[in-house]
Amino acid sequence: GLKSELPMGICYAVWVGIGATGSA
């Protein structure tokens, strides 16, 4: 995702958010 030039901060936030919500 980062190599496709998505914005780094938002990309990371989405990735972590899915992981955190899914883990909960």
PDB file of all heavy atoms in Angstrom:
ATOM      1  N   GLY A   1       0.811  -1.212   0.000  1.00  0.00           N
ATOM      2  CA  GLY A   1       0.000   0.000   0.000  1.00  0.00           C
ATOM      3  C   GLY A   1       0.840   1.256   0.000  1.00  0.00           C
ATOM      4  O   GLY A   1       0.553   2.220  -0.715  1.00  0.00           O
ATOM      5  N   LEU A   2       1.921   1.252   0.769  1.00  0.00           N
ATOM      6  CA  LEU A   2       2.790   2.433   0.833  1.00  0.00           C
ATOM      7  C   LEU A   2       3.529   2.656  -0.487  1.00  0.00           C
ATOM      8  O   LEU A   2       3.742   3.787  -0.897  1.00  0.00           O
ATOM      9  CB  LEU A   2       3.797   2.290   1.976  1.00  0.00           C
ATOM     10  CG  LEU A   2       3.205   2.373   3.384  1.00  0.00           C
ATOM     11  CD1 LEU A   2       4.257   2.021   4.420  1.00  0.00           C
ATOM     12  CD2 LEU A   2       2.612   3.743   3.646  1.00  0.00           C
ATOM     13  N   LYS A   3       3.891   1.589  -1.164  1.00  0.00           N
ATOM     14  CA  LYS A   3       4.577   1.716  -2.454  1.00  0.00           C
ATOM     15  C   LYS A   3       3.661   2.261  -3.536  1.00  0.00           C
ATOM     16  O   LYS A   3       4.130   2.804  -4.528  1.00  0.00           O
ATOM     17  CB  LYS A   3       5.157   0.361  -2.878  1.00  0.00           C
ATOM     18  CG  LYS A   3       6.415   0.024  -2.111  1.00  0.00           C
ATOM     19  CD  LYS A   3       6.937  -1.378  -2.269  1.00  0.00           C
ATOM     20  CE  LYS A   3       7.005  -1.974  -3.593  1.00  0.00           C
ATOM     21  NZ  LYS A   3       7.633  -3.298  -3.646  1.00  0.00           N
ATOM     22  N   SER A   4       2.358   2.157  -3.348  1.00  0.00           N
ATOM     23  CA  SER A   4       1.419   2.688  -4.333  1.00  0.00           C
ATOM     24  C   SER A   4       1.132   4.162  -4.090  1.00  0.00           C
ATOM     25  O   SER A   4       0.206   4.708  -4.646  1.00  0.00           O
ATOM     26  CB  SER A   4       0.121   1.880  -4.311  1.00  0.00           C
ATOM     27  OG  SER A   4      -0.542   2.085  -3.095  1.00  0.00           O
ATOM     28  N   GLU A   5       1.928   4.776  -3.255  1.00  0.00           N
ATOM     29  CA  GLU A   5       1.868   6.207  -2.952  1.00  0.00           C
ATOM     30  C   GLU A   5       0.623   6.637  -2.187  1.00  0.00           C
ATOM     31  O   GLU A   5       0.165   7.770  -2.308  1.00  0.00           O
ATOM     32  CB  GLU A   5       2.072   7.050  -4.218  1.00  0.00           C
ATOM     33  CG  GLU A   5       3.444   6.858  -4.829  1.00  0.00           C
ATOM     34  CD  GLU A   5       3.764   7.865  -5.918  1.00  0.00           C
ATOM     35  OE1 GLU A   5       3.015   8.849  -6.078  1.00  0.00           O
ATOM     36  OE2 GLU A   5       4.765   7.660  -6.593  1.00  0.00           O
ATOM     37  N   LEU A   6       0.060   5.730  -1.396  1.00  0.00           N
ATOM     38  CA  LEU A   6      -0.977   6.150  -0.457  1.00  0.00           C
ATOM     39  C   LEU A   6      -0.311   7.012   0.609  1.00  0.00           C
ATOM     40  O   LEU A   6       0.869   6.818   0.921  1.00  0.00           O
ATOM     41  CB  LEU A   6      -1.628   4.931   0.202  1.00  0.00           C
ATOM     42  CG  LEU A   6      -2.511   4.068  -0.685  1.00  0.00           C
ATOM     43  CD1 LEU A   6      -2.920   2.797   0.047  1.00  0.00           C
ATOM     44  CD2 LEU A   6      -3.738   4.823  -1.143  1.00  0.00           C
ATOM     45  N   PRO A   7      -1.029   7.937   1.221  1.00  0.00           N
ATOM     46  CA  PRO A   7      -0.438   8.756   2.275  1.00  0.00           C
ATOM     47  C   PRO A   7      -0.012   7.877   3.460  1.00  0.00           C
ATOM     48  O   PRO A   7      -0.805   7.071   3.958  1.00  0.00           O
ATOM     49  CB  PRO A   7      -1.564   9.711   2.684  1.00  0.00           C
ATOM     50  CG  PRO A   7      -2.576   9.634   1.600  1.00  0.00           C
ATOM     51  CD  PRO A   7      -2.401   8.320   0.926  1.00  0.00           C
ATOM     52  N   MET A   8       1.232   8.014   3.888  1.00  0.00           N
ATOM     53  CA  MET A   8       1.794   7.134   4.897  1.00  0.00           C
ATOM     54  C   MET A   8       1.004   7.145   6.213  1.00  0.00           C
ATOM     55  O   MET A   8       0.681   6.085   6.751  1.00  0.00           O
ATOM     56  CB  MET A   8       3.248   7.507   5.185  1.00  0.00           C
ATOM     57  CG  MET A   8       3.906   6.566   6.176  1.00  0.00           C
ATOM     58  SD  MET A   8       5.618   6.956   6.508  1.00  0.00           S
ATOM     59  CE  MET A   8       5.463   8.444   7.476  1.00  0.00           C
ATOM     60  N   GLY A   9       0.703   8.309   6.735  1.00  0.00           N
ATOM     61  CA  GLY A   9       0.020   8.391   8.024  1.00  0.00           C
ATOM     62  C   GLY A   9      -1.352   7.749   8.009  1.00  0.00           C
ATOM     63  O   GLY A   9      -1.711   6.990   8.905  1.00  0.00           O
ATOM     64  N   ILE A  10      -2.113   8.040   6.990  1.00  0.00           N
ATOM     65  CA  ILE A  10      -3.463   7.479   6.884  1.00  0.00           C
ATOM     66  C   ILE A  10      -3.394   5.982   6.617  1.00  0.00           C
ATOM     67  O   ILE A  10      -4.148   5.191   7.189  1.00  0.00           O
ATOM     68  CB  ILE A  10      -4.274   8.210   5.796  1.00  0.00           C
ATOM     69  CG1 ILE A  10      -4.475   9.671   6.203  1.00  0.00           C
ATOM     70  CG2 ILE A  10      -5.610   7.532   5.564  1.00  0.00           C
ATOM     71  CD1 ILE A  10      -5.089  10.540   5.141  1.00  0.00           C
ATOM     72  N   CYS A  11      -2.466   5.589   5.767  1.00  0.00           N
ATOM     73  CA  CYS A  11      -2.292   4.169   5.435  1.00  0.00           C
ATOM     74  C   CYS A  11      -1.975   3.371   6.711  1.00  0.00           C
ATOM     75  O   CYS A  11      -2.587   2.336   6.983  1.00  0.00           O
ATOM     76  CB  CYS A  11      -1.161   4.044   4.423  1.00  0.00           C
ATOM     77  SG  CYS A  11      -0.965   2.440   3.695  1.00  0.00           S
ATOM     78  N   TYR A  12      -1.035   3.874   7.489  1.00  0.00           N
ATOM     79  CA  TYR A  12      -0.652   3.193   8.724  1.00  0.00           C
ATOM     80  C   TYR A  12      -1.813   3.188   9.718  1.00  0.00           C
ATOM     81  O   TYR A  12      -2.075   2.182  10.380  1.00  0.00           O
ATOM     82  CB  TYR A  12       0.581   3.864   9.338  1.00  0.00           C
ATOM     83  CG  TYR A  12       1.056   3.200  10.590  1.00  0.00           C
ATOM     84  CD1 TYR A  12       1.714   1.970  10.531  1.00  0.00           C
ATOM     85  CD2 TYR A  12       0.830   3.780  11.840  1.00  0.00           C
ATOM     86  CE1 TYR A  12       2.149   1.339  11.685  1.00  0.00           C
ATOM     87  CE2 TYR A  12       1.267   3.156  12.982  1.00  0.00           C
ATOM     88  CZ  TYR A  12       1.927   1.943  12.911  1.00  0.00           C
ATOM     89  OH  TYR A  12       2.348   1.318  14.058  1.00  0.00           O
ATOM     90  N   ALA A  13      -2.536   4.297   9.818  1.00  0.00           N
ATOM     91  CA  ALA A  13      -3.667   4.381  10.744  1.00  0.00           C
ATOM     92  C   ALA A  13      -4.753   3.370  10.379  1.00  0.00           C
ATOM     93  O   ALA A  13      -5.333   2.725  11.262  1.00  0.00           O
ATOM     94  CB  ALA A  13      -4.241   5.799  10.752  1.00  0.00           C
ATOM     95  N   VAL A  14      -5.032   3.216   9.105  1.00  0.00           N
ATOM     96  CA  VAL A  14      -6.039   2.240   8.667  1.00  0.00           C
ATOM     97  C   VAL A  14      -5.575   0.832   9.015  1.00  0.00           C
ATOM     98  O   VAL A  14      -6.332   0.026   9.560  1.00  0.00           O
ATOM     99  CB  VAL A  14      -6.318   2.382   7.151  1.00  0.00           C
ATOM    100  CG1 VAL A  14      -7.126   1.218   6.622  1.00  0.00           C
ATOM    101  CG2 VAL A  14      -7.028   3.708   6.867  1.00  0.00           C
ATOM    102  N   TRP A  15      -4.317   0.518   8.718  1.00  0.00           N
ATOM    103  CA  TRP A  15      -3.745  -0.811   8.977  1.00  0.00           C
ATOM    104  C   TRP A  15      -3.810  -1.141  10.471  1.00  0.00           C
ATOM    105  O   TRP A  15      -4.294  -2.199  10.864  1.00  0.00           O
ATOM    106  CB  TRP A  15      -2.311  -0.813   8.460  1.00  0.00           C
ATOM    107  CG  TRP A  15      -1.532  -2.058   8.621  1.00  0.00           C
ATOM    108  CD1 TRP A  15      -1.694  -3.232   7.954  1.00  0.00           C
ATOM    109  CD2 TRP A  15      -0.419  -2.252   9.494  1.00  0.00           C
ATOM    110  NE1 TRP A  15      -0.744  -4.139   8.345  1.00  0.00           N
ATOM    111  CE2 TRP A  15       0.055  -3.567   9.293  1.00  0.00           C
ATOM    112  CE3 TRP A  15       0.242  -1.438  10.417  1.00  0.00           C
ATOM    113  CZ2 TRP A  15       1.141  -4.080   9.985  1.00  0.00           C
ATOM    114  CZ3 TRP A  15       1.318  -1.949  11.098  1.00  0.00           C
ATOM    115  CH2 TRP A  15       1.757  -3.261  10.885  1.00  0.00           C
ATOM    116  N   VAL A  16      -3.352  -0.219  11.293  1.00  0.00           N
ATOM    117  CA  VAL A  16      -3.366  -0.435  12.746  1.00  0.00           C
ATOM    118  C   VAL A  16      -4.789  -0.459  13.278  1.00  0.00           C
ATOM    119  O   VAL A  16      -5.118  -1.269  14.150  1.00  0.00           O
ATOM    120  CB  VAL A  16      -2.539   0.654  13.472  1.00  0.00           C
ATOM    121  CG1 VAL A  16      -2.755   0.622  14.967  1.00  0.00           C
ATOM    122  CG2 VAL A  16      -1.068   0.490  13.160  1.00  0.00           C
ATOM    123  N   GLY A  17      -5.637   0.415  12.763  1.00  0.00           N
ATOM    124  CA  GLY A  17      -7.018   0.463  13.230  1.00  0.00           C
ATOM    125  C   GLY A  17      -7.775  -0.830  12.977  1.00  0.00           C
ATOM    126  O   GLY A  17      -8.495  -1.321  13.852  1.00  0.00           O
ATOM    127  N   ILE A  18      -7.583  -1.398  11.795  1.00  0.00           N
ATOM    128  CA  ILE A  18      -8.226  -2.683  11.492  1.00  0.00           C
ATOM    129  C   ILE A  18      -7.671  -3.757  12.419  1.00  0.00           C
ATOM    130  O   ILE A  18      -8.422  -4.559  12.978  1.00  0.00           O
ATOM    131  CB  ILE A  18      -8.024  -3.075  10.018  1.00  0.00           C
ATOM    132  CG1 ILE A  18      -8.806  -2.129   9.114  1.00  0.00           C
ATOM    133  CG2 ILE A  18      -8.444  -4.519   9.770  1.00  0.00           C
ATOM    134  CD1 ILE A  18      -8.475  -2.273   7.636  1.00  0.00           C
ATOM    135  N   GLY A  19      -6.351  -3.753  12.589  1.00  0.00           N
ATOM    136  CA  GLY A  19      -5.727  -4.748  13.469  1.00  0.00           C
ATOM    137  C   GLY A  19      -6.180  -4.613  14.916  1.00  0.00           C
ATOM    138  O   GLY A  19      -6.499  -5.610  15.574  1.00  0.00           O
ATOM    139  N   ALA A  20      -6.240  -3.390  15.422  1.00  0.00           N
ATOM    140  CA  ALA A  20      -6.633  -3.173  16.809  1.00  0.00           C
ATOM    141  C   ALA A  20      -8.104  -3.515  17.042  1.00  0.00           C
ATOM    142  O   ALA A  20      -8.457  -4.187  18.022  1.00  0.00           O
ATOM    143  CB  ALA A  20      -6.370  -1.718  17.206  1.00  0.00           C
ATOM    144  N   THR A  21      -8.947  -3.058  16.137  1.00  0.00           N
ATOM    145  CA  THR A  21     -10.376  -3.350  16.266  1.00  0.00           C
ATOM    146  C   THR A  21     -10.644  -4.837  16.112  1.00  0.00           C
ATOM    147  O   THR A  21     -11.399  -5.437  16.886  1.00  0.00           O
ATOM    148  CB  THR A  21     -11.176  -2.553  15.219  1.00  0.00           C
ATOM    149  OG1 THR A  21     -10.846  -1.171  15.337  1.00  0.00           O
ATOM    150  CG2 THR A  21     -12.655  -2.739  15.400  1.00  0.00           C
ATOM    151  N   GLY A  22     -10.009  -5.438  15.115  1.00  0.00           N
ATOM    152  CA  GLY A  22     -10.170  -6.878  14.912  1.00  0.00           C
ATOM    153  C   GLY A  22      -9.654  -7.683  16.090  1.00  0.00           C
ATOM    154  O   GLY A  22     -10.279  -8.667  16.509  1.00  0.00           O
ATOM    155  N   SER A  23      -8.525  -7.273  16.648  1.00  0.00           N
ATOM    156  CA  SER A  23      -7.966  -7.978  17.807  1.00  0.00           C
ATOM    157  C   SER A  23      -8.883  -7.869  19.024  1.00  0.00           C
ATOM    158  O   SER A  23      -9.046  -8.833  19.772  1.00  0.00           O
ATOM    159  CB  SER A  23      -6.579  -7.419  18.145  1.00  0.00           C
ATOM    160  OG  SER A  23      -5.681  -7.692  17.095  1.00  0.00           O
ATOM    161  N   ALA A  24      -9.482  -6.709  19.206  1.00  0.00           N
ATOM    162  CA  ALA A  24     -10.421  -6.549  20.319  1.00  0.00           C
ATOM    163  C   ALA A  24     -11.640  -7.451  20.128  1.00  0.00           C
ATOM    164  O   ALA A  24     -12.107  -8.092  21.078  1.00  0.00           O
ATOM    165  CB  ALA A  24     -10.851  -5.085  20.440  1.00  0.00           C
TER     166      ALA A  24
END
